PDB file of N, CA and C in Angstrom:
ATOM      1  N   MET A   1       7.056  21.390  -4.884  1.00  0.00           N
ATOM      2  CA  MET A   1       6.141  20.314  -5.215  1.00  0.00           C
ATOM      3  C   MET A   1       4.738  20.918  -5.318  1.00  0.00           C
ATOM      4  N   ASN A   2       4.041  20.602  -6.414  1.00  0.00           N
ATOM      5  CA  ASN A   2       2.696  21.141  -6.551  1.00  0.00           C
ATOM      6  C   ASN A   2       1.698  20.318  -5.746  1.00  0.00           C
ATOM      7  N   VAL A   3       0.473  20.828  -5.647  1.00  0.00           N
ATOM      8  CA  VAL A   3      -0.544  20.192  -4.805  1.00  0.00           C
ATOM      9  C   VAL A   3      -0.848  18.776  -5.277  1.00  0.00           C
ATOM     10  N   GLU A   4      -0.965  18.562  -6.595  1.00  0.00           N
ATOM     11  CA  GLU A   4      -1.269  17.228  -7.112  1.00  0.00           C
ATOM     12  C   GLU A   4      -0.161  16.236  -6.785  1.00  0.00           C
ATOM     13  N   SER A   5       1.097  16.636  -6.933  1.00  0.00           N
ATOM     14  CA  SER A   5       2.210  15.742  -6.616  1.00  0.00           C
ATOM     15  C   SER A   5       2.202  15.382  -5.141  1.00  0.00           C
ATOM     16  N   SER A   6       1.925  16.361  -4.293  1.00  0.00           N
ATOM     17  CA  SER A   6       1.865  16.113  -2.856  1.00  0.00           C
ATOM     18  C   SER A   6       0.738  15.138  -2.527  1.00  0.00           C
ATOM     19  N   LYS A   7      -0.402  15.327  -3.162  1.00  0.00           N
ATOM     20  CA  LYS A   7      -1.554  14.449  -2.934  1.00  0.00           C
ATOM     21  C   LYS A   7      -1.207  13.016  -3.328  1.00  0.00           C
ATOM     22  N   HIS A   8      -0.535  12.865  -4.446  1.00  0.00           N
ATOM     23  CA  HIS A   8      -0.190  11.522  -4.908  1.00  0.00           C
ATOM     24  C   HIS A   8       0.886  10.888  -4.039  1.00  0.00           C
ATOM     25  N   SER A   9       1.811  11.686  -3.518  1.00  0.00           N
ATOM     26  CA  SER A   9       2.825  11.100  -2.636  1.00  0.00           C
ATOM     27  C   SER A   9       2.173  10.571  -1.367  1.00  0.00           C
ATOM     28  N   HIS A  10       1.141  11.250  -0.876  1.00  0.00           N
ATOM     29  CA  HIS A  10       0.409  10.752   0.285  1.00  0.00           C
ATOM     30  C   HIS A  10      -0.318   9.452  -0.055  1.00  0.00           C
ATOM     31  N   LEU A  11      -0.761   9.320  -1.301  1.00  0.00           N
ATOM     32  CA  LEU A  11      -1.442   8.101  -1.720  1.00  0.00           C
ATOM     33  C   LEU A  11      -0.509   6.900  -1.583  1.00  0.00           C
ATOM     34  N   TYR A  12       0.747   7.048  -2.004  1.00  0.00           N
ATOM     35  CA  TYR A  12       1.708   5.943  -1.887  1.00  0.00           C
ATOM     36  C   TYR A  12       2.032   5.642  -0.426  1.00  0.00           C
ATOM     37  N   THR A  13       2.096   6.675   0.399  1.00  0.00           N
ATOM     38  CA  THR A  13       2.316   6.475   1.829  1.00  0.00           C
ATOM     39  C   THR A  13       1.140   5.703   2.426  1.00  0.00           C
ATOM     40  N   CYS A  14      -0.069   6.092   2.043  1.00  0.00           N
ATOM     41  CA  CYS A  14      -1.262   5.402   2.534  1.00  0.00           C
ATOM     42  C   CYS A  14      -1.323   3.971   2.025  1.00  0.00           C
ATOM     43  N   LEU A  15      -0.955   3.749   0.775  1.00  0.00           N
ATOM     44  CA  LEU A  15      -0.948   2.397   0.240  1.00  0.00           C
ATOM     45  C   LEU A  15      -0.031   1.515   1.081  1.00  0.00           C
ATOM     46  N   GLY A  16       1.144   2.008   1.365  1.00  0.00           N
ATOM     47  CA  GLY A  16       2.088   1.251   2.183  1.00  0.00           C
ATOM     48  C   GLY A  16       1.553   0.979   3.569  1.00  0.00           C
ATOM     49  N   GLN A  17       0.924   1.976   4.163  1.00  0.00           N
ATOM     50  CA  GLN A  17       0.366   1.821   5.510  1.00  0.00           C
ATOM     51  C   GLN A  17      -0.735   0.765   5.514  1.00  0.00           C
ATOM     52  N   VAL A  18      -1.610   0.823   4.526  1.00  0.00           N
ATOM     53  CA  VAL A  18      -2.720  -0.125   4.437  1.00  0.00           C
ATOM     54  C   VAL A  18      -2.200  -1.544   4.193  1.00  0.00           C
ATOM     55  N   MET A  19      -1.210  -1.669   3.323  1.00  0.00           N
ATOM     56  CA  MET A  19      -0.637  -2.997   3.066  1.00  0.00           C
ATOM     57  C   MET A  19      -0.011  -3.574   4.327  1.00  0.00           C
ATOM     58  N   ARG A  20       0.743  -2.756   5.051  1.00  0.00           N
ATOM     59  CA  ARG A  20       1.394  -3.220   6.278  1.00  0.00           C
ATOM     60  C   ARG A  20       0.363  -3.644   7.318  1.00  0.00           C
ATOM     61  N   GLU A  21      -0.684  -2.804   7.496  1.00  0.00           N
ATOM     62  CA  GLU A  21      -1.732  -3.132   8.473  1.00  0.00           C
ATOM     63  C   GLU A  21      -2.411  -4.458   8.126  1.00  0.00           C
ATOM     64  N   ARG A  22      -2.737  -4.647   6.856  1.00  0.00           N
ATOM     65  CA  ARG A  22      -3.409  -5.880   6.436  1.00  0.00           C
ATOM     66  C   ARG A  22      -2.479  -7.087   6.596  1.00  0.00           C
ATOM     67  N   ARG A  23      -1.208  -6.907   6.239  1.00  0.00           N
ATOM     68  CA  ARG A  23      -0.234  -7.991   6.378  1.00  0.00           C
ATOM     69  C   ARG A  23      -0.147  -8.431   7.838  1.00  0.00           C
ATOM     70  N   LYS A  24      -0.124  -7.461   8.736  1.00  0.00           N
ATOM     71  CA  LYS A  24      -0.040  -7.780  10.165  1.00  0.00           C
ATOM     72  C   LYS A  24      -1.333  -8.404  10.675  1.00  0.00           C
ATOM     73  N   GLU A  25      -2.487  -7.967  10.137  1.00  0.00           N
ATOM     74  CA  GLU A  25      -3.768  -8.599  10.498  1.00  0.00           C
ATOM     75  C   GLU A  25      -3.725 -10.093  10.197  1.00  0.00           C
ATOM     76  N   LEU A  26      -3.078 -10.444   9.089  1.00  0.00           N
ATOM     77  CA  LEU A  26      -2.989 -11.838   8.659  1.00  0.00           C
ATOM     78  C   LEU A  26      -1.796 -12.563   9.265  1.00  0.00           C
ATOM     79  N   ASP A  27      -1.020 -11.853  10.064  1.00  0.00           N
ATOM     80  CA  ASP A  27       0.180 -12.408  10.691  1.00  0.00           C
ATOM     81  C   ASP A  27       1.144 -12.979   9.648  1.00  0.00           C
ATOM     82  N   LEU A  28       1.341 -12.212   8.571  1.00  0.00           N
ATOM     83  CA  LEU A  28       2.266 -12.591   7.511  1.00  0.00           C
ATOM     84  C   LEU A  28       3.566 -11.818   7.660  1.00  0.00           C
ATOM     85  N   SER A  29       4.662 -12.473   7.400  1.00  0.00           N
ATOM     86  CA  SER A  29       5.944 -11.765   7.343  1.00  0.00           C
ATOM     87  C   SER A  29       6.058 -11.098   5.966  1.00  0.00           C
ATOM     88  N   GLN A  30       6.961 -10.148   5.861  1.00  0.00           N
ATOM     89  CA  GLN A  30       7.217  -9.548   4.551  1.00  0.00           C
ATOM     90  C   GLN A  30       7.689 -10.620   3.575  1.00  0.00           C
ATOM     91  N   GLU A  31       8.488 -11.550   4.055  1.00  0.00           N
ATOM     92  CA  GLU A  31       9.017 -12.612   3.202  1.00  0.00           C
ATOM     93  C   GLU A  31       7.894 -13.463   2.605  1.00  0.00           C
ATOM     94  N   LYS A  32       6.938 -13.852   3.448  1.00  0.00           N
ATOM     95  CA  LYS A  32       5.839 -14.694   2.968  1.00  0.00           C
ATOM     96  C   LYS A  32       4.952 -13.934   1.982  1.00  0.00           C
ATOM     97  N   LEU A  33       4.637 -12.688   2.300  1.00  0.00           N
ATOM     98  CA  LEU A  33       3.804 -11.910   1.387  1.00  0.00           C
ATOM     99  C   LEU A  33       4.529 -11.672   0.070  1.00  0.00           C
ATOM    100  N   ALA A  34       5.791 -11.304   0.143  1.00  0.00           N
ATOM    101  CA  ALA A  34       6.561 -11.045  -1.079  1.00  0.00           C
ATOM    102  C   ALA A  34       6.620 -12.300  -1.952  1.00  0.00           C
ATOM    103  N   ALA A  35       6.871 -13.444  -1.331  1.00  0.00           N
ATOM    104  CA  ALA A  35       6.927 -14.696  -2.090  1.00  0.00           C
ATOM    105  C   ALA A  35       5.582 -14.990  -2.743  1.00  0.00           C
ATOM    106  N   GLY A  36       4.501 -14.786  -2.002  1.00  0.00           N
ATOM    107  CA  GLY A  36       3.160 -15.038  -2.530  1.00  0.00           C
ATOM    108  C   GLY A  36       2.771 -14.085  -3.644  1.00  0.00           C
ATOM    109  N   ALA A  37       3.301 -12.878  -3.593  1.00  0.00           N
ATOM    110  CA  ALA A  37       2.979 -11.868  -4.605  1.00  0.00           C
ATOM    111  C   ALA A  37       3.975 -11.868  -5.764  1.00  0.00           C
ATOM    112  N   GLY A  38       5.036 -12.653  -5.624  1.00  0.00           N
ATOM    113  CA  GLY A  38       6.031 -12.719  -6.686  1.00  0.00           C
ATOM    114  C   GLY A  38       6.896 -11.483  -6.805  1.00  0.00           C
ATOM    115  N   ILE A  39       7.166 -10.838  -5.650  1.00  0.00           N
ATOM    116  CA  ILE A  39       8.022  -9.651  -5.649  1.00  0.00           C
ATOM    117  C   ILE A  39       9.139  -9.836  -4.627  1.00  0.00           C
ATOM    118  N   ASP A  40      10.130  -8.993  -4.715  1.00  0.00           N
ATOM    119  CA  ASP A  40      11.258  -9.039  -3.792  1.00  0.00           C
ATOM    120  C   ASP A  40      10.860  -8.460  -2.430  1.00  0.00           C
ATOM    121  N   ARG A  41      11.366  -9.052  -1.348  1.00  0.00           N
ATOM    122  CA  ARG A  41      11.034  -8.576  -0.010  1.00  0.00           C
ATOM    123  C   ARG A  41      11.483  -7.143   0.208  1.00  0.00           C
ATOM    124  N   ALA A  42      12.644  -6.768  -0.307  1.00  0.00           N
ATOM    125  CA  ALA A  42      13.130  -5.392  -0.152  1.00  0.00           C
ATOM    126  C   ALA A  42      12.208  -4.410  -0.877  1.00  0.00           C
ATOM    127  N   PHE A  43      11.691  -4.819  -2.038  1.00  0.00           N
ATOM    128  CA  PHE A  43      10.741  -3.978  -2.772  1.00  0.00           C
ATOM    129  C   PHE A  43       9.473  -3.791  -1.950  1.00  0.00           C
ATOM    130  N   LEU A  44       8.984  -4.866  -1.346  1.00  0.00           N
ATOM    131  CA  LEU A  44       7.792  -4.784  -0.488  1.00  0.00           C
ATOM    132  C   LEU A  44       8.050  -3.844   0.684  1.00  0.00           C
ATOM    133  N   SER A  45       9.213  -3.954   1.291  1.00  0.00           N
ATOM    134  CA  SER A  45       9.571  -3.071   2.402  1.00  0.00           C
ATOM    135  C   SER A  45       9.521  -1.609   1.965  1.00  0.00           C
ATOM    136  N   ASN A  46      10.080  -1.327   0.791  1.00  0.00           N
ATOM    137  CA  ASN A  46      10.046   0.039   0.261  1.00  0.00           C
ATOM    138  C   ASN A  46       8.614   0.494  -0.019  1.00  0.00           C
ATOM    139  N   LEU A  47       7.787  -0.408  -0.515  1.00  0.00           N
ATOM    140  CA  LEU A  47       6.377  -0.070  -0.754  1.00  0.00           C
ATOM    141  C   LEU A  47       5.680   0.282   0.549  1.00  0.00           C
ATOM    142  N   GLU A  48       5.920  -0.516   1.578  1.00  0.00           N
ATOM    143  CA  GLU A  48       5.265  -0.276   2.863  1.00  0.00           C
ATOM    144  C   GLU A  48       5.691   1.053   3.475  1.00  0.00           C
ATOM    145  N   ARG A  49       6.857   1.532   3.118  1.00  0.00           N
ATOM    146  CA  ARG A  49       7.324   2.831   3.616  1.00  0.00           C
ATOM    147  C   ARG A  49       6.977   3.970   2.666  1.00  0.00           C
ATOM    148  N   GLY A  50       6.237   3.665   1.586  1.00  0.00           N
ATOM    149  CA  GLY A  50       5.816   4.694   0.645  1.00  0.00           C
ATOM    150  C   GLY A  50       6.943   5.220  -0.225  1.00  0.00           C
ATOM    151  N   GLN A  51       8.006   4.441  -0.364  1.00  0.00           N
ATOM    152  CA  GLN A  51       9.181   4.890  -1.104  1.00  0.00           C
ATOM    153  C   GLN A  51       9.226   4.394  -2.541  1.00  0.00           C
ATOM    154  N   ARG A  52       8.286   3.566  -2.935  1.00  0.00           N
ATOM    155  CA  ARG A  52       8.225   3.069  -4.307  1.00  0.00           C
ATOM    156  C   ARG A  52       6.823   3.266  -4.838  1.00  0.00           C
ATOM    157  N   LYS A  53       6.718   3.329  -6.156  1.00  0.00           N
ATOM    158  CA  LYS A  53       5.434   3.521  -6.822  1.00  0.00           C
ATOM    159  C   LYS A  53       5.129   2.273  -7.646  1.00  0.00           C
ATOM    160  N   PRO A  54       4.308   1.379  -7.118  1.00  0.00           N
ATOM    161  CA  PRO A  54       4.046   0.112  -7.799  1.00  0.00           C
ATOM    162  C   PRO A  54       3.096   0.259  -8.985  1.00  0.00           C
ATOM    163  N   SER A  55       3.184  -0.689  -9.902  1.00  0.00           N
ATOM    164  CA  SER A  55       2.244  -0.743 -11.025  1.00  0.00           C
ATOM    165  C   SER A  55       0.910  -1.303 -10.530  1.00  0.00           C
ATOM    166  N   PHE A  56      -0.114  -1.157 -11.359  1.00  0.00           N
ATOM    167  CA  PHE A  56      -1.416  -1.732 -11.020  1.00  0.00           C
ATOM    168  C   PHE A  56      -1.301  -3.240 -10.849  1.00  0.00           C
ATOM    169  N   GLY A  57      -0.524  -3.870 -11.716  1.00  0.00           N
ATOM    170  CA  GLY A  57      -0.348  -5.319 -11.642  1.00  0.00           C
ATOM    171  C   GLY A  57       0.288  -5.753 -10.334  1.00  0.00           C
ATOM    172  N   THR A  58       1.289  -5.007  -9.895  1.00  0.00           N
ATOM    173  CA  THR A  58       1.948  -5.327  -8.632  1.00  0.00           C
ATOM    174  C   THR A  58       0.980  -5.178  -7.468  1.00  0.00           C
ATOM    175  N   VAL A  59       0.211  -4.096  -7.472  1.00  0.00           N
ATOM    176  CA  VAL A  59      -0.771  -3.891  -6.396  1.00  0.00           C
ATOM    177  C   VAL A  59      -1.809  -5.021  -6.416  1.00  0.00           C
ATOM    178  N   ALA A  60      -2.213  -5.450  -7.603  1.00  0.00           N
ATOM    179  CA  ALA A  60      -3.185  -6.545  -7.705  1.00  0.00           C
ATOM    180  C   ALA A  60      -2.607  -7.837  -7.146  1.00  0.00           C
ATOM    181  N   ARG A  61      -1.338  -8.130  -7.436  1.00  0.00           N
ATOM    182  CA  ARG A  61      -0.713  -9.338  -6.899  1.00  0.00           C
ATOM    183  C   ARG A  61      -0.577  -9.266  -5.381  1.00  0.00           C
ATOM    184  N   ILE A  62      -0.240  -8.084  -4.873  1.00  0.00           N
ATOM    185  CA  ILE A  62      -0.137  -7.911  -3.421  1.00  0.00           C
ATOM    186  C   ILE A  62      -1.512  -8.073  -2.777  1.00  0.00           C
ATOM    187  N   ALA A  63      -2.545  -7.495  -3.404  1.00  0.00           N
ATOM    188  CA  ALA A  63      -3.907  -7.648  -2.881  1.00  0.00           C
ATOM    189  C   ALA A  63      -4.278  -9.123  -2.796  1.00  0.00           C
ATOM    190  N   ASP A  64      -3.931  -9.882  -3.829  1.00  0.00           N
ATOM    191  CA  ASP A  64      -4.194 -11.334  -3.791  1.00  0.00           C
ATOM    192  C   ASP A  64      -3.468 -11.977  -2.613  1.00  0.00           C
ATOM    193  N   GLY A  65      -2.209 -11.608  -2.422  1.00  0.00           N
ATOM    194  CA  GLY A  65      -1.428 -12.152  -1.311  1.00  0.00           C
ATOM    195  C   GLY A  65      -1.991 -11.771   0.041  1.00  0.00           C
ATOM    196  N   LEU A  66      -2.655 -10.623   0.082  1.00  0.00           N
ATOM    197  CA  LEU A  66      -3.268 -10.143   1.324  1.00  0.00           C
ATOM    198  C   LEU A  66      -4.706 -10.641   1.488  1.00  0.00           C
ATOM    199  N   LYS A  67      -5.150 -11.466   0.534  1.00  0.00           N
ATOM    200  CA  LYS A  67      -6.500 -12.027   0.565  1.00  0.00           C
ATOM    201  C   LYS A  67      -7.561 -10.935   0.698  1.00  0.00           C
ATOM    202  N   ILE A  68      -7.400  -9.914  -0.153  1.00  0.00           N
ATOM    203  CA  ILE A  68      -8.328  -8.794  -0.169  1.00  0.00           C
ATOM    204  C   ILE A  68      -8.546  -8.387  -1.624  1.00  0.00           C
ATOM    205  N   LYS A  69      -9.740  -7.960  -1.955  1.00  0.00           N
ATOM    206  CA  LYS A  69     -10.000  -7.508  -3.317  1.00  0.00           C
ATOM    207  C   LYS A  69      -9.213  -6.221  -3.583  1.00  0.00           C
ATOM    208  N   TYR A  70      -8.771  -6.083  -4.808  1.00  0.00           N
ATOM    209  CA  TYR A  70      -8.039  -4.886  -5.224  1.00  0.00           C
ATOM    210  C   TYR A  70      -8.846  -3.634  -4.878  1.00  0.00           C
ATOM    211  N   SER A  71     -10.139  -3.657  -5.192  1.00  0.00           N
ATOM    212  CA  SER A  71     -10.993  -2.490  -4.952  1.00  0.00           C
ATOM    213  C   SER A  71     -11.089  -2.153  -3.464  1.00  0.00           C
ATOM    214  N   ARG A  72     -11.097  -3.168  -2.626  1.00  0.00           N
ATOM    215  CA  ARG A  72     -11.156  -2.951  -1.169  1.00  0.00           C
ATOM    216  C   ARG A  72      -9.846  -2.350  -0.667  1.00  0.00           C
ATOM    217  N   LEU A  73      -8.724  -2.808  -1.211  1.00  0.00           N
ATOM    218  CA  LEU A  73      -7.431  -2.253  -0.849  1.00  0.00           C
ATOM    219  C   LEU A  73      -7.366  -0.771  -1.222  1.00  0.00           C
ATOM    220  N   VAL A  74      -7.831  -0.451  -2.424  1.00  0.00           N
ATOM    221  CA  VAL A  74      -7.840   0.941  -2.879  1.00  0.00           C
ATOM    222  C   VAL A  74      -8.794   1.777  -2.019  1.00  0.00           C
ATOM    223  N   ALA A  75      -9.937   1.217  -1.650  1.00  0.00           N
ATOM    224  CA  ALA A  75     -10.886   1.947  -0.798  1.00  0.00           C
ATOM    225  C   ALA A  75     -10.254   2.275   0.554  1.00  0.00           C
ATOM    226  N   ARG A  76      -9.495   1.335   1.110  1.00  0.00           N
ATOM    227  CA  ARG A  76      -8.801   1.600   2.382  1.00  0.00           C
ATOM    228  C   ARG A  76      -7.766   2.715   2.201  1.00  0.00           C
ATOM    229  N   CYS A  77      -7.107   2.732   1.058  1.00  0.00           N
ATOM    230  CA  CYS A  77      -6.136   3.801   0.773  1.00  0.00           C
ATOM    231  C   CYS A  77      -6.829   5.153   0.697  1.00  0.00           C
ATOM    232  N   GLU A  78      -7.995   5.186   0.060  1.00  0.00           N
ATOM    233  CA  GLU A  78      -8.742   6.433  -0.053  1.00  0.00           C
ATOM    234  C   GLU A  78      -9.163   6.940   1.326  1.00  0.00           C
ATOM    235  N   LYS A  79      -9.570   6.044   2.210  1.00  0.00           N
ATOM    236  CA  LYS A  79      -9.934   6.445   3.576  1.00  0.00           C
ATOM    237  C   LYS A  79      -8.734   7.035   4.300  1.00  0.00           C
ATOM    238  N   CYS A  80      -7.598   6.377   4.160  1.00  0.00           N
ATOM    239  CA  CYS A  80      -6.358   6.853   4.780  1.00  0.00           C
ATOM    240  C   CYS A  80      -6.010   8.241   4.258  1.00  0.00           C
ATOM    241  N   GLN A  81      -6.095   8.399   2.943  1.00  0.00           N
ATOM    242  CA  GLN A  81      -5.750   9.687   2.330  1.00  0.00           C
ATOM    243  C   GLN A  81      -6.708  10.779   2.782  1.00  0.00           C
ATOM    244  N   ALA A  82      -7.993  10.479   2.860  1.00  0.00           N
ATOM    245  CA  ALA A  82      -8.982  11.460   3.314  1.00  0.00           C
ATOM    246  C   ALA A  82      -8.696  11.878   4.752  1.00  0.00           C
ATOM    247  N   ALA A  83      -8.331  10.916   5.585  1.00  0.00           N
ATOM    248  CA  ALA A  83      -8.008  11.232   6.989  1.00  0.00           C
ATOM    249  C   ALA A  83      -6.781  12.135   7.072  1.00  0.00           C
ATOM    250  N   ARG A  84      -5.779  11.870   6.236  1.00  0.00           N
ATOM    251  CA  ARG A  84      -4.572  12.705   6.229  1.00  0.00           C
ATOM    252  C   ARG A  84      -4.883  14.133   5.765  1.00  0.00           C
ATOM    253  N   GLU A  85      -5.722  14.228   4.728  1.00  0.00           N
ATOM    254  CA  GLU A  85      -6.092  15.548   4.212  1.00  0.00           C
ATOM    255  C   GLU A  85      -6.885  16.326   5.253  1.00  0.00           C
ATOM    256  N   GLN A  86      -7.781  15.645   5.957  1.00  0.00           N
ATOM    257  CA  GLN A  86      -8.582  16.296   6.988  1.00  0.00           C
ATOM    258  C   GLN A  86      -7.686  16.768   8.131  1.00  0.00           C
ATOM    259  N   ALA A  87      -6.727  15.959   8.511  1.00  0.00           N
ATOM    260  CA  ALA A  87      -5.818  16.316   9.592  1.00  0.00           C
ATOM    261  C   ALA A  87      -4.934  17.509   9.209  1.00  0.00           C
ATOM    262  N   ALA A  88      -4.625  17.616   7.921  1.00  0.00           N
ATOM    263  CA  ALA A  88      -3.758  18.692   7.444  1.00  0.00           C
ATOM    264  C   ALA A  88      -4.504  20.024   7.343  1.00  0.00           C
ATOM    265  N   SER A  89      -5.833  19.970   7.262  1.00  0.00           N
ATOM    266  CA  SER A  89      -6.585  21.230   7.096  1.00  0.00           C
ATOM    267  C   SER A  89      -7.098  21.798   8.392  1.00  0.00           C
TER     268      SER A  89
END
């Protein structure tokens, strides 16, 4: 795996982590968030574990369900990724 692929795989892991943290902050079940975002609960579970690569549209719908701006969700992902990169170096 090249460096760019590794960096992007961490991005999906961070996206899942940030989504899960926000969902729990709001005391939402996966079922409620998935229903609100118009996606399958199993797909959401896979996203939270960093095992799926969602489209921009899917991330935007999830952000709406999490009552957070898309840009804020992405900013949280960037912070997570920066922390992981710092820990790895």
